[in-house]
Amino acid sequence: MDSVSTILVDEDTSFALMLEAQSRGHRVDHCLLGDVFARNRRVSARSRRAEMSREAAAPVTLGDVDEVEIAAYDAVFIRKDPPFDEDYHWTSLLLDLAREDTLIINDP
C-alpha cells in the first residue's frame, strides 16, 4: 500500500482493514510497491511488521525490515490509491507470479 504516513485514522479503509485484522489476532505486515521483487521466479518483499492504534498522530508503527517470500504469507492484500502507474503495473505482474503460492486479495 502507500506509505503509512498518509493514513487518516477515521477515513482510510486500508487502515480499518489492518486494524480489524490485528484485532482478530492476525499478523499484519506492510510494504510499498517498490519493496516487491522477484529472484529466480520467487516473489519476495522487503516488509515490516505493522502495529495499529487509533492514535491519529501515529496510527501505524512499523518494525524492522524483513525480506520475506510472498509464499510464506497466508494472504496478500494489495491496496493502492490512484494513480495506477508503472510501479503498480510491475507489482501486479510480480504478484501474478505469486498467485499459485498464496492468496492475492484485491487482485489487480
PDB file of N, CA and C in Angstrom:
ATOM      1  N   MET A   1       0.843  -1.177   0.000  1.00  0.00           N
ATOM      2  CA  MET A   1       0.000   0.000   0.000  1.00  0.00           C
ATOM      3  C   MET A   1       0.881   1.230   0.000  1.00  0.00           C
ATOM      4  N   ASP A   2       0.250   2.366   0.037  1.00  0.00           N
ATOM      5  CA  ASP A   2       1.007   3.612   0.116  1.00  0.00           C
ATOM      6  C   ASP A   2       1.666   3.733   1.489  1.00  0.00           C
ATOM      7  N   SER A   3       2.465   4.748   1.648  1.00  0.00           N
ATOM      8  CA  SER A   3       3.160   4.979   2.910  1.00  0.00           C
ATOM      9  C   SER A   3       2.164   5.131   4.054  1.00  0.00           C
ATOM     10  N   VAL A   4       2.506   4.581   5.209  1.00  0.00           N
ATOM     11  CA  VAL A   4       1.625   4.704   6.376  1.00  0.00           C
ATOM     12  C   VAL A   4       1.519   6.154   6.847  1.00  0.00           C
ATOM     13  N   SER A   5       2.413   7.004   6.398  1.00  0.00           N
ATOM     14  CA  SER A   5       2.344   8.417   6.784  1.00  0.00           C
ATOM     15  C   SER A   5       1.129   9.108   6.167  1.00  0.00           C
ATOM     16  N   THR A   6       0.500   8.502   5.173  1.00  0.00           N
ATOM     17  CA  THR A   6      -0.678   9.098   4.522  1.00  0.00           C
ATOM     18  C   THR A   6      -1.991   8.660   5.159  1.00  0.00           C
ATOM     19  N   ILE A   7      -1.937   7.782   6.149  1.00  0.00           N
ATOM     20  CA  ILE A   7      -3.162   7.230   6.747  1.00  0.00           C
ATOM     21  C   ILE A   7      -3.935   8.297   7.519  1.00  0.00           C
ATOM     22  N   LEU A   8      -5.239   8.314   7.265  1.00  0.00           N
ATOM     23  CA  LEU A   8      -6.174   9.129   8.037  1.00  0.00           C
ATOM     24  C   LEU A   8      -7.034   8.154   8.834  1.00  0.00           C
ATOM     25  N   VAL A   9      -6.865   8.137  10.129  1.00  0.00           N
ATOM     26  CA  VAL A   9      -7.459   7.129  11.011  1.00  0.00           C
ATOM     27  C   VAL A   9      -8.961   6.962  10.803  1.00  0.00           C
ATOM     28  N   ASP A  10      -9.688   8.047  10.670  1.00  0.00           N
ATOM     29  CA  ASP A  10     -11.142   7.965  10.579  1.00  0.00           C
ATOM     30  C   ASP A  10     -11.668   7.868   9.148  1.00  0.00           C
ATOM     31  N   GLU A  11     -10.773   7.824   8.154  1.00  0.00           N
ATOM     32  CA  GLU A  11     -11.213   7.819   6.758  1.00  0.00           C
ATOM     33  C   GLU A  11     -10.615   6.696   5.918  1.00  0.00           C
ATOM     34  N   ASP A  12      -9.492   6.171   6.299  1.00  0.00           N
ATOM     35  CA  ASP A  12      -8.730   5.252   5.455  1.00  0.00           C
ATOM     36  C   ASP A  12      -9.222   3.812   5.611  1.00  0.00           C
ATOM     37  N   THR A  13      -9.760   3.232   4.538  1.00  0.00           N
ATOM     38  CA  THR A  13     -10.259   1.859   4.603  1.00  0.00           C
ATOM     39  C   THR A  13      -9.123   0.853   4.731  1.00  0.00           C
ATOM     40  N   SER A  14      -7.972   1.148   4.170  1.00  0.00           N
ATOM     41  CA  SER A  14      -6.827   0.239   4.345  1.00  0.00           C
ATOM     42  C   SER A  14      -6.472   0.124   5.815  1.00  0.00           C
ATOM     43  N   PHE A  15      -6.452   1.262   6.511  1.00  0.00           N
ATOM     44  CA  PHE A  15      -6.168   1.258   7.937  1.00  0.00           C
ATOM     45  C   PHE A  15      -7.236   0.471   8.695  1.00  0.00           C
ATOM     46  N   ALA A  16      -8.496   0.665   8.348  1.00  0.00           N
ATOM     47  CA  ALA A  16      -9.588  -0.057   9.017  1.00  0.00           C
ATOM     48  C   ALA A  16      -9.427  -1.563   8.836  1.00  0.00           C
ATOM     49  N   LEU A  17      -9.044  -1.996   7.648  1.00  0.00           N
ATOM     50  CA  LEU A  17      -8.829  -3.426   7.392  1.00  0.00           C
ATOM     51  C   LEU A  17      -7.652  -3.954   8.210  1.00  0.00           C
ATOM     52  N   MET A  18      -6.578  -3.183   8.278  1.00  0.00           N
ATOM     53  CA  MET A  18      -5.407  -3.585   9.050  1.00  0.00           C
ATOM     54  C   MET A  18      -5.736  -3.668  10.537  1.00  0.00           C
ATOM     55  N   LEU A  19      -6.457  -2.677  11.041  1.00  0.00           N
ATOM     56  CA  LEU A  19      -6.833  -2.640  12.453  1.00  0.00           C
ATOM     57  C   LEU A  19      -7.725  -3.832  12.803  1.00  0.00           C
ATOM     58  N   GLU A  20      -8.665  -4.143  11.943  1.00  0.00           N
ATOM     59  CA  GLU A  20      -9.566  -5.271  12.194  1.00  0.00           C
ATOM     60  C   GLU A  20      -8.808  -6.602  12.139  1.00  0.00           C
ATOM     61  N   ALA A  21      -7.917  -6.750  11.161  1.00  0.00           N
ATOM     62  CA  ALA A  21      -7.119  -7.983  11.084  1.00  0.00           C
ATOM     63  C   ALA A  21      -6.309  -8.165  12.363  1.00  0.00           C
ATOM     64  N   GLN A  22      -5.694  -7.078  12.831  1.00  0.00           N
ATOM     65  CA  GLN A  22      -4.925  -7.138  14.081  1.00  0.00           C
ATOM     66  C   GLN A  22      -5.821  -7.521  15.257  1.00  0.00           C
ATOM     67  N   SER A  23      -7.022  -6.948  15.329  1.00  0.00           N
ATOM     68  CA  SER A  23      -7.916  -7.235  16.451  1.00  0.00           C
ATOM     69  C   SER A  23      -8.370  -8.690  16.454  1.00  0.00           C
ATOM     70  N   ARG A  24      -8.314  -9.340  15.287  1.00  0.00           N
ATOM     71  CA  ARG A  24      -8.687 -10.751  15.184  1.00  0.00           C
ATOM     72  C   ARG A  24      -7.484 -11.682  15.346  1.00  0.00           C
ATOM     73  N   GLY A  25      -6.350 -11.108  15.711  1.00  0.00           N
ATOM     74  CA  GLY A  25      -5.178 -11.920  16.010  1.00  0.00           C
ATOM     75  C   GLY A  25      -4.261 -12.205  14.836  1.00  0.00           C
ATOM     76  N   HIS A  26      -4.487 -11.545  13.702  1.00  0.00           N
ATOM     77  CA  HIS A  26      -3.626 -11.760  12.539  1.00  0.00           C
ATOM     78  C   HIS A  26      -2.406 -10.848  12.608  1.00  0.00           C
ATOM     79  N   ARG A  27      -1.298 -11.362  12.116  1.00  0.00           N
ATOM     80  CA  ARG A  27      -0.108 -10.532  11.951  1.00  0.00           C
ATOM     81  C   ARG A  27      -0.306  -9.722  10.677  1.00  0.00           C
ATOM     82  N   VAL A  28       0.019  -8.448  10.733  1.00  0.00           N
ATOM     83  CA  VAL A  28      -0.098  -7.565   9.576  1.00  0.00           C
ATOM     84  C   VAL A  28       1.284  -7.026   9.258  1.00  0.00           C
ATOM     85  N   ASP A  29       1.693  -7.201   8.013  1.00  0.00           N
ATOM     86  CA  ASP A  29       2.952  -6.635   7.533  1.00  0.00           C
ATOM     87  C   ASP A  29       2.628  -5.567   6.495  1.00  0.00           C
ATOM     88  N   HIS A  30       3.554  -4.657   6.288  1.00  0.00           N
ATOM     89  CA  HIS A  30       3.371  -3.559   5.339  1.00  0.00           C
ATOM     90  C   HIS A  30       4.588  -3.466   4.435  1.00  0.00           C
ATOM     91  N   CYS A  31       4.331  -3.191   3.163  1.00  0.00           N
ATOM     92  CA  CYS A  31       5.424  -2.850   2.253  1.00  0.00           C
ATOM     93  C   CYS A  31       4.890  -1.920   1.179  1.00  0.00           C
ATOM     94  N   LEU A  32       5.788  -1.242   0.541  1.00  0.00           N
ATOM     95  CA  LEU A  32       5.455  -0.366  -0.578  1.00  0.00           C
ATOM     96  C   LEU A  32       5.608  -1.148  -1.881  1.00  0.00           C
ATOM     97  N   LEU A  33       5.052  -0.607  -2.957  1.00  0.00           N
ATOM     98  CA  LEU A  33       5.151  -1.296  -4.248  1.00  0.00           C
ATOM     99  C   LEU A  33       6.603  -1.583  -4.628  1.00  0.00           C
ATOM    100  N   GLY A  34       7.479  -0.631  -4.384  1.00  0.00           N
ATOM    101  CA  GLY A  34       8.896  -0.795  -4.734  1.00  0.00           C
ATOM    102  C   GLY A  34       9.630  -1.821  -3.897  1.00  0.00           C
ATOM    103  N   ASP A  35       8.981  -2.346  -2.870  1.00  0.00           N
ATOM    104  CA  ASP A  35       9.598  -3.343  -1.993  1.00  0.00           C
ATOM    105  C   ASP A  35       9.334  -4.775  -2.443  1.00  0.00           C
ATOM    106  N   VAL A  36       8.549  -4.951  -3.506  1.00  0.00           N
ATOM    107  CA  VAL A  36       8.217  -6.282  -4.023  1.00  0.00           C
ATOM    108  C   VAL A  36       9.164  -6.578  -5.188  1.00  0.00           C
ATOM    109  N   PHE A  37       9.737  -7.779  -5.183  1.00  0.00           N
ATOM    110  CA  PHE A  37      10.710  -8.132  -6.221  1.00  0.00           C
ATOM    111  C   PHE A  37      10.697  -9.635  -6.462  1.00  0.00           C
ATOM    112  N   ALA A  38      11.346 -10.054  -7.539  1.00  0.00           N
ATOM    113  CA  ALA A  38      11.456 -11.484  -7.853  1.00  0.00           C
ATOM    114  C   ALA A  38      12.923 -11.856  -7.977  1.00  0.00           C
ATOM    115  N   ARG A  39      13.203 -13.063  -7.507  1.00  0.00           N
ATOM    116  CA  ARG A  39      14.538 -13.645  -7.639  1.00  0.00           C
ATOM    117  C   ARG A  39      14.313 -15.110  -7.980  1.00  0.00           C
ATOM    118  N   ASN A  40      14.795 -15.538  -9.140  1.00  0.00           N
ATOM    119  CA  ASN A  40      14.610 -16.925  -9.593  1.00  0.00           C
ATOM    120  C   ASN A  40      13.136 -17.323  -9.611  1.00  0.00           C
ATOM    121  N   ARG A  41      12.294 -16.440 -10.114  1.00  0.00           N
ATOM    122  CA  ARG A  41      10.837 -16.648 -10.235  1.00  0.00           C
ATOM    123  C   ARG A  41      10.135 -16.815  -8.892  1.00  0.00           C
ATOM    124  N   ARG A  42      10.789 -16.477  -7.800  1.00  0.00           N
ATOM    125  CA  ARG A  42      10.175 -16.477  -6.471  1.00  0.00           C
ATOM    126  C   ARG A  42       9.971 -15.019  -6.075  1.00  0.00           C
ATOM    127  N   VAL A  43       8.749 -14.671  -5.746  1.00  0.00           N
ATOM    128  CA  VAL A  43       8.425 -13.290  -5.410  1.00  0.00           C
ATOM    129  C   VAL A  43       8.613 -13.077  -3.915  1.00  0.00           C
ATOM    130  N   SER A  44       9.278 -11.997  -3.579  1.00  0.00           N
ATOM    131  CA  SER A  44       9.547 -11.652  -2.185  1.00  0.00           C
ATOM    132  C   SER A  44       9.231 -10.181  -1.968  1.00  0.00           C
ATOM    133  N   ALA A  45       9.264  -9.782  -0.715  1.00  0.00           N
ATOM    134  CA  ALA A  45       9.055  -8.375  -0.369  1.00  0.00           C
ATOM    135  C   ALA A  45       9.935  -8.014   0.814  1.00  0.00           C
ATOM    136  N   ARG A  46      10.371  -6.784   0.816  1.00  0.00           N
ATOM    137  CA  ARG A  46      11.017  -6.223   1.992  1.00  0.00           C
ATOM    138  C   ARG A  46       9.875  -5.589   2.791  1.00  0.00           C
ATOM    139  N   SER A  47       9.397  -6.315   3.784  1.00  0.00           N
ATOM    140  CA  SER A  47       8.210  -5.870   4.523  1.00  0.00           C
ATOM    141  C   SER A  47       8.571  -5.589   5.976  1.00  0.00           C
ATOM    142  N   ARG A  48       7.642  -4.928   6.636  1.00  0.00           N
ATOM    143  CA  ARG A  48       7.823  -4.571   8.038  1.00  0.00           C
ATOM    144  C   ARG A  48       6.542  -4.900   8.786  1.00  0.00           C
ATOM    145  N   ARG A  49       6.684  -5.493   9.942  1.00  0.00           N
ATOM    146  CA  ARG A  49       5.513  -5.787  10.769  1.00  0.00           C
ATOM    147  C   ARG A  49       4.861  -4.466  11.174  1.00  0.00           C
ATOM    148  N   ALA A  50       3.541  -4.434  11.071  1.00  0.00           N
ATOM    149  CA  ALA A  50       2.790  -3.224  11.385  1.00  0.00           C
ATOM    150  C   ALA A  50       1.938  -3.449  12.629  1.00  0.00           C
ATOM    151  N   GLU A  51       1.935  -2.466  13.505  1.00  0.00           N
ATOM    152  CA  GLU A  51       1.061  -2.494  14.670  1.00  0.00           C
ATOM    153  C   GLU A  51       0.231  -1.216  14.642  1.00  0.00           C
ATOM    154  N   MET A  52      -1.092  -1.397  14.718  1.00  0.00           N
ATOM    155  CA  MET A  52      -2.015  -0.295  14.570  1.00  0.00           C
ATOM    156  C   MET A  52      -2.573   0.174  15.907  1.00  0.00           C
ATOM    157  N   SER A  53      -2.865   1.474  15.955  1.00  0.00           N
ATOM    158  CA  SER A  53      -3.575   2.064  17.096  1.00  0.00           C
ATOM    159  C   SER A  53      -4.452   3.184  16.538  1.00  0.00           C
ATOM    160  N   ARG A  54      -5.415   3.602  17.311  1.00  0.00           N
ATOM    161  CA  ARG A  54      -6.316   4.664  16.855  1.00  0.00           C
ATOM    162  C   ARG A  54      -5.747   6.056  17.102  1.00  0.00           C
ATOM    163  N   GLU A  55      -4.503   6.144  17.515  1.00  0.00           N
ATOM    164  CA  GLU A  55      -3.871   7.441  17.756  1.00  0.00           C
ATOM    165  C   GLU A  55      -3.563   8.105  16.414  1.00  0.00           C
ATOM    166  N   ALA A  56      -4.211   9.225  16.144  1.00  0.00           N
ATOM    167  CA  ALA A  56      -4.093   9.883  14.837  1.00  0.00           C
ATOM    168  C   ALA A  56      -2.672  10.316  14.499  1.00  0.00           C
ATOM    169  N   ALA A  57      -1.901  10.687  15.501  1.00  0.00           N
ATOM    170  CA  ALA A  57      -0.539  11.160  15.246  1.00  0.00           C
ATOM    171  C   ALA A  57       0.385  10.039  14.770  1.00  0.00           C
ATOM    172  N   ALA A  58       0.151   8.818  15.226  1.00  0.00           N
ATOM    173  CA  ALA A  58       0.987   7.673  14.851  1.00  0.00           C
ATOM    174  C   ALA A  58       0.120   6.417  14.802  1.00  0.00           C
ATOM    175  N   PRO A  59      -0.750   6.294  13.780  1.00  0.00           N
ATOM    176  CA  PRO A  59      -1.678   5.166  13.744  1.00  0.00           C
ATOM    177  C   PRO A  59      -1.016   3.816  13.461  1.00  0.00           C
ATOM    178  N   VAL A  60       0.163   3.843  12.823  1.00  0.00           N
ATOM    179  CA  VAL A  60       0.848   2.592  12.497  1.00  0.00           C
ATOM    180  C   VAL A  60       2.309   2.700  12.909  1.00  0.00           C
ATOM    181  N   THR A  61       2.761   1.707  13.645  1.00  0.00           N
ATOM    182  CA  THR A  61       4.174   1.599  13.995  1.00  0.00           C
ATOM    183  C   THR A  61       4.738   0.434  13.206  1.00  0.00           C
ATOM    184  N   LEU A  62       5.844   0.675  12.513  1.00  0.00           N
ATOM    185  CA  LEU A  62       6.457  -0.368  11.688  1.00  0.00           C
ATOM    186  C   LEU A  62       7.710  -0.910  12.361  1.00  0.00           C
ATOM    187  N   GLY A  63       7.874  -2.219  12.276  1.00  0.00           N
ATOM    188  CA  GLY A  63       9.054  -2.879  12.815  1.00  0.00           C
ATOM    189  C   GLY A  63      10.208  -2.821  11.825  1.00  0.00           C
ATOM    190  N   ASP A  64      11.211  -3.639  12.079  1.00  0.00           N
ATOM    191  CA  ASP A  64      12.381  -3.701  11.213  1.00  0.00           C
ATOM    192  C   ASP A  64      12.049  -4.352   9.880  1.00  0.00           C
ATOM    193  N   VAL A  65      12.816  -4.010   8.873  1.00  0.00           N
ATOM    194  CA  VAL A  65      12.636  -4.587   7.541  1.00  0.00           C
ATOM    195  C   VAL A  65      13.050  -6.052   7.569  1.00  0.00           C
ATOM    196  N   ASP A  66      12.218  -6.872   6.951  1.00  0.00           N
ATOM    197  CA  ASP A  66      12.485  -8.298   6.855  1.00  0.00           C
ATOM    198  C   ASP A  66      12.189  -8.733   5.418  1.00  0.00           C
ATOM    199  N   GLU A  67      13.089  -9.472   4.810  1.00  0.00           N
ATOM    200  CA  GLU A  67      12.862  -9.977   3.458  1.00  0.00           C
ATOM    201  C   GLU A  67      12.108 -11.301   3.558  1.00  0.00           C
ATOM    202  N   VAL A  68      10.890 -11.337   3.002  1.00  0.00           N
ATOM    203  CA  VAL A  68      10.004 -12.481   3.142  1.00  0.00           C
ATOM    204  C   VAL A  68       9.513 -12.919   1.775  1.00  0.00           C
ATOM    205  N   GLU A  69       9.550 -14.242   1.505  1.00  0.00           N
ATOM    206  CA  GLU A  69       8.927 -14.747   0.283  1.00  0.00           C
ATOM    207  C   GLU A  69       7.422 -14.607   0.425  1.00  0.00           C
ATOM    208  N   ILE A  70       6.781 -14.152  -0.623  1.00  0.00           N
ATOM    209  CA  ILE A  70       5.323 -13.971  -0.605  1.00  0.00           C
ATOM    210  C   ILE A  70       4.625 -15.286  -0.261  1.00  0.00           C
ATOM    211  N   ALA A  71       5.187 -16.411  -0.676  1.00  0.00           N
ATOM    212  CA  ALA A  71       4.589 -17.722  -0.395  1.00  0.00           C
ATOM    213  C   ALA A  71       4.477 -18.002   1.101  1.00  0.00           C
ATOM    214  N   ALA A  72       5.251 -17.300   1.921  1.00  0.00           N
ATOM    215  CA  ALA A  72       5.189 -17.502   3.370  1.00  0.00           C
ATOM    216  C   ALA A  72       3.939 -16.863   3.983  1.00  0.00           C
ATOM    217  N   TYR A  73       3.301 -15.982   3.253  1.00  0.00           N
ATOM    218  CA  TYR A  73       2.090 -15.319   3.753  1.00  0.00           C
ATOM    219  C   TYR A  73       0.860 -16.143   3.410  1.00  0.00           C
ATOM    220  N   ASP A  74      -0.123 -16.128   4.296  1.00  0.00           N
ATOM    221  CA  ASP A  74      -1.410 -16.763   4.002  1.00  0.00           C
ATOM    222  C   ASP A  74      -2.153 -15.984   2.932  1.00  0.00           C
ATOM    223  N   ALA A  75      -2.013 -14.665   2.973  1.00  0.00           N
ATOM    224  CA  ALA A  75      -2.706 -13.808   2.011  1.00  0.00           C
ATOM    225  C   ALA A  75      -1.939 -12.503   1.849  1.00  0.00           C
ATOM    226  N   VAL A  76      -2.077 -11.924   0.674  1.00  0.00           N
ATOM    227  CA  VAL A  76      -1.534 -10.604   0.382  1.00  0.00           C
ATOM    228  C   VAL A  76      -2.697  -9.738  -0.078  1.00  0.00           C
ATOM    229  N   PHE A  77      -2.847  -8.606   0.557  1.00  0.00           N
ATOM    230  CA  PHE A  77      -3.921  -7.681   0.223  1.00  0.00           C
ATOM    231  C   PHE A  77      -3.270  -6.452  -0.394  1.00  0.00           C
ATOM    232  N   ILE A  78      -3.457  -6.249  -1.685  1.00  0.00           N
ATOM    233  CA  ILE A  78      -2.872  -5.079  -2.327  1.00  0.00           C
ATOM    234  C   ILE A  78      -3.847  -3.916  -2.237  1.00  0.00           C
ATOM    235  N   ARG A  79      -3.351  -2.828  -1.698  1.00  0.00           N
ATOM    236  CA  ARG A  79      -4.154  -1.611  -1.537  1.00  0.00           C
ATOM    237  C   ARG A  79      -3.318  -0.456  -2.062  1.00  0.00           C
ATOM    238  N   LYS A  80      -3.784   0.192  -3.100  1.00  0.00           N
ATOM    239  CA  LYS A  80      -3.031   1.291  -3.703  1.00  0.00           C
ATOM    240  C   LYS A  80      -4.002   2.364  -4.154  1.00  0.00           C
ATOM    241  N   ASP A  81      -3.758   3.587  -3.698  1.00  0.00           N
ATOM    242  CA  ASP A  81      -4.549   4.714  -4.171  1.00  0.00           C
ATOM    243  C   ASP A  81      -4.062   5.108  -5.565  1.00  0.00           C
ATOM    244  N   PRO A  82      -4.952   5.634  -6.402  1.00  0.00           N
ATOM    245  CA  PRO A  82      -4.520   6.123  -7.715  1.00  0.00           C
ATOM    246  C   PRO A  82      -3.459   7.198  -7.554  1.00  0.00           C
ATOM    247  N   PRO A  83      -2.601   7.429  -8.506  1.00  0.00           N
ATOM    248  CA  PRO A  83      -2.690   6.875  -9.858  1.00  0.00           C
ATOM    249  C   PRO A  83      -2.100   5.467  -9.912  1.00  0.00           C
ATOM    250  N   PHE A  84      -2.627   4.674 -10.800  1.00  0.00           N
ATOM    251  CA  PHE A  84      -2.095   3.345 -11.053  1.00  0.00           C
ATOM    252  C   PHE A  84      -1.034   3.493 -12.129  1.00  0.00           C
ATOM    253  N   ASP A  85       0.192   3.607 -11.686  1.00  0.00           N
ATOM    254  CA  ASP A  85       1.306   3.962 -12.557  1.00  0.00           C
ATOM    255  C   ASP A  85       2.153   2.753 -12.911  1.00  0.00           C
ATOM    256  N   GLU A  86       3.335   3.001 -13.432  1.00  0.00           N
ATOM    257  CA  GLU A  86       4.242   1.933 -13.850  1.00  0.00           C
ATOM    258  C   GLU A  86       4.644   1.036 -12.678  1.00  0.00           C
ATOM    259  N   ASP A  87       4.888   1.614 -11.509  1.00  0.00           N
ATOM    260  CA  ASP A  87       5.227   0.800 -10.330  1.00  0.00           C
ATOM    261  C   ASP A  87       4.101  -0.172  -9.994  1.00  0.00           C
ATOM    262  N   TYR A  88       2.867   0.319 -10.063  1.00  0.00           N
ATOM    263  CA  TYR A  88       1.708  -0.538  -9.803  1.00  0.00           C
ATOM    264  C   TYR A  88       1.628  -1.651 -10.847  1.00  0.00           C
ATOM    265  N   HIS A  89       1.848  -1.293 -12.102  1.00  0.00           N
ATOM    266  CA  HIS A  89       1.802  -2.284 -13.184  1.00  0.00           C
ATOM    267  C   HIS A  89       2.824  -3.398 -12.946  1.00  0.00           C
ATOM    268  N   TRP A  90       4.066  -3.037 -12.645  1.00  0.00           N
ATOM    269  CA  TRP A  90       5.114  -4.045 -12.435  1.00  0.00           C
ATOM    270  C   TRP A  90       4.827  -4.889 -11.197  1.00  0.00           C
ATOM    271  N   THR A  91       4.309  -4.270 -10.153  1.00  0.00           N
ATOM    272  CA  THR A  91       3.962  -5.032  -8.955  1.00  0.00           C
ATOM    273  C   THR A  91       2.856  -6.027  -9.248  1.00  0.00           C
ATOM    274  N   SER A  92       1.876  -5.622 -10.052  1.00  0.00           N
ATOM    275  CA  SER A  92       0.792  -6.549 -10.403  1.00  0.00           C
ATOM    276  C   SER A  92       1.336  -7.749 -11.183  1.00  0.00           C
ATOM    277  N   LEU A  93       2.329  -7.531 -12.039  1.00  0.00           N
ATOM    278  CA  LEU A  93       2.942  -8.644 -12.772  1.00  0.00           C
ATOM    279  C   LEU A  93       3.711  -9.566 -11.828  1.00  0.00           C
ATOM    280  N   LEU A  94       4.400  -9.002 -10.857  1.00  0.00           N
ATOM    281  CA  LEU A  94       5.109  -9.821  -9.873  1.00  0.00           C
ATOM    282  C   LEU A  94       4.129 -10.644  -9.049  1.00  0.00           C
ATOM    283  N   LEU A  95       3.049 -10.033  -8.616  1.00  0.00           N
ATOM    284  CA  LEU A  95       2.064 -10.766  -7.824  1.00  0.00           C
ATOM    285  C   LEU A  95       1.396 -11.866  -8.635  1.00  0.00           C
ATOM    286  N   ASP A  96       1.336 -11.679  -9.934  1.00  0.00           N
ATOM    287  CA  ASP A  96       0.802 -12.729 -10.800  1.00  0.00           C
ATOM    288  C   ASP A  96       1.658 -13.994 -10.692  1.00  0.00           C
ATOM    289  N   LEU A  97       2.968 -13.824 -10.532  1.00  0.00           N
ATOM    290  CA  LEU A  97       3.865 -14.976 -10.345  1.00  0.00           C
ATOM    291  C   LEU A  97       3.615 -15.676  -9.005  1.00  0.00           C
ATOM    292  N   ALA A  98       3.154 -14.924  -8.013  1.00  0.00           N
ATOM    293  CA  ALA A  98       2.968 -15.461  -6.664  1.00  0.00           C
ATOM    294  C   ALA A  98       1.598 -16.089  -6.462  1.00  0.00           C
ATOM    295  N   ARG A  99       0.701 -15.933  -7.415  1.00  0.00           N
ATOM    296  CA  ARG A  99      -0.693 -16.367  -7.265  1.00  0.00           C
ATOM    297  C   ARG A  99      -0.822 -17.848  -6.931  1.00  0.00           C
ATOM    298  N   GLU A 100       0.072 -18.684  -7.426  1.00  0.00           N
ATOM    299  CA  GLU A 100      -0.012 -20.124  -7.147  1.00  0.00           C
ATOM    300  C   GLU A 100       0.399 -20.456  -5.716  1.00  0.00           C
ATOM    301  N   ASP A 101       1.139 -19.562  -5.083  1.00  0.00           N
ATOM    302  CA  ASP A 101       1.693 -19.828  -3.751  1.00  0.00           C
ATOM    303  C   ASP A 101       0.891 -19.238  -2.606  1.00  0.00           C
ATOM    304  N   THR A 102       0.134 -18.191  -2.871  1.00  0.00           N
ATOM    305  CA  THR A 102      -0.604 -17.518  -1.803  1.00  0.00           C
ATOM    306  C   THR A 102      -1.841 -16.827  -2.375  1.00  0.00           C
ATOM    307  N   LEU A 103      -2.771 -16.538  -1.515  1.00  0.00           N
ATOM    308  CA  LEU A 103      -3.991 -15.854  -1.913  1.00  0.00           C
ATOM    309  C   LEU A 103      -3.703 -14.366  -2.093  1.00  0.00           C
ATOM    310  N   ILE A 104      -4.036 -13.845  -3.262  1.00  0.00           N
ATOM    311  CA  ILE A 104      -3.889 -12.415  -3.536  1.00  0.00           C
ATOM    312  C   ILE A 104      -5.290 -11.804  -3.460  1.00  0.00           C
ATOM    313  N   ILE A 105      -5.514 -10.943  -2.485  1.00  0.00           N
ATOM    314  CA  ILE A 105      -6.811 -10.312  -2.289  1.00  0.00           C
ATOM    315  C   ILE A 105      -6.770  -8.929  -2.946  1.00  0.00           C
ATOM    316  N   ASN A 106      -7.879  -8.551  -3.568  1.00  0.00           N
ATOM    317  CA  ASN A 106      -7.948  -7.318  -4.325  1.00  0.00           C
ATOM    318  C   ASN A 106      -6.985  -7.397  -5.499  1.00  0.00           C
ATOM    319  N   ASP A 107      -6.926  -8.587  -6.085  1.00  0.00           N
ATOM    320  CA  ASP A 107      -6.006  -8.937  -7.161  1.00  0.00           C
ATOM    321  C   ASP A 107      -6.156  -7.969  -8.339  1.00  0.00           C
ATOM    322  N   PRO A 108      -5.060  -7.312  -8.706  1.00  0.00           N
ATOM    323  CA  PRO A 108      -5.139  -6.371  -9.812  1.00  0.00           C
ATOM    324  C   PRO A 108      -5.347  -7.089 -11.139  1.00  0.00           C
TER     325      PRO A 108
END
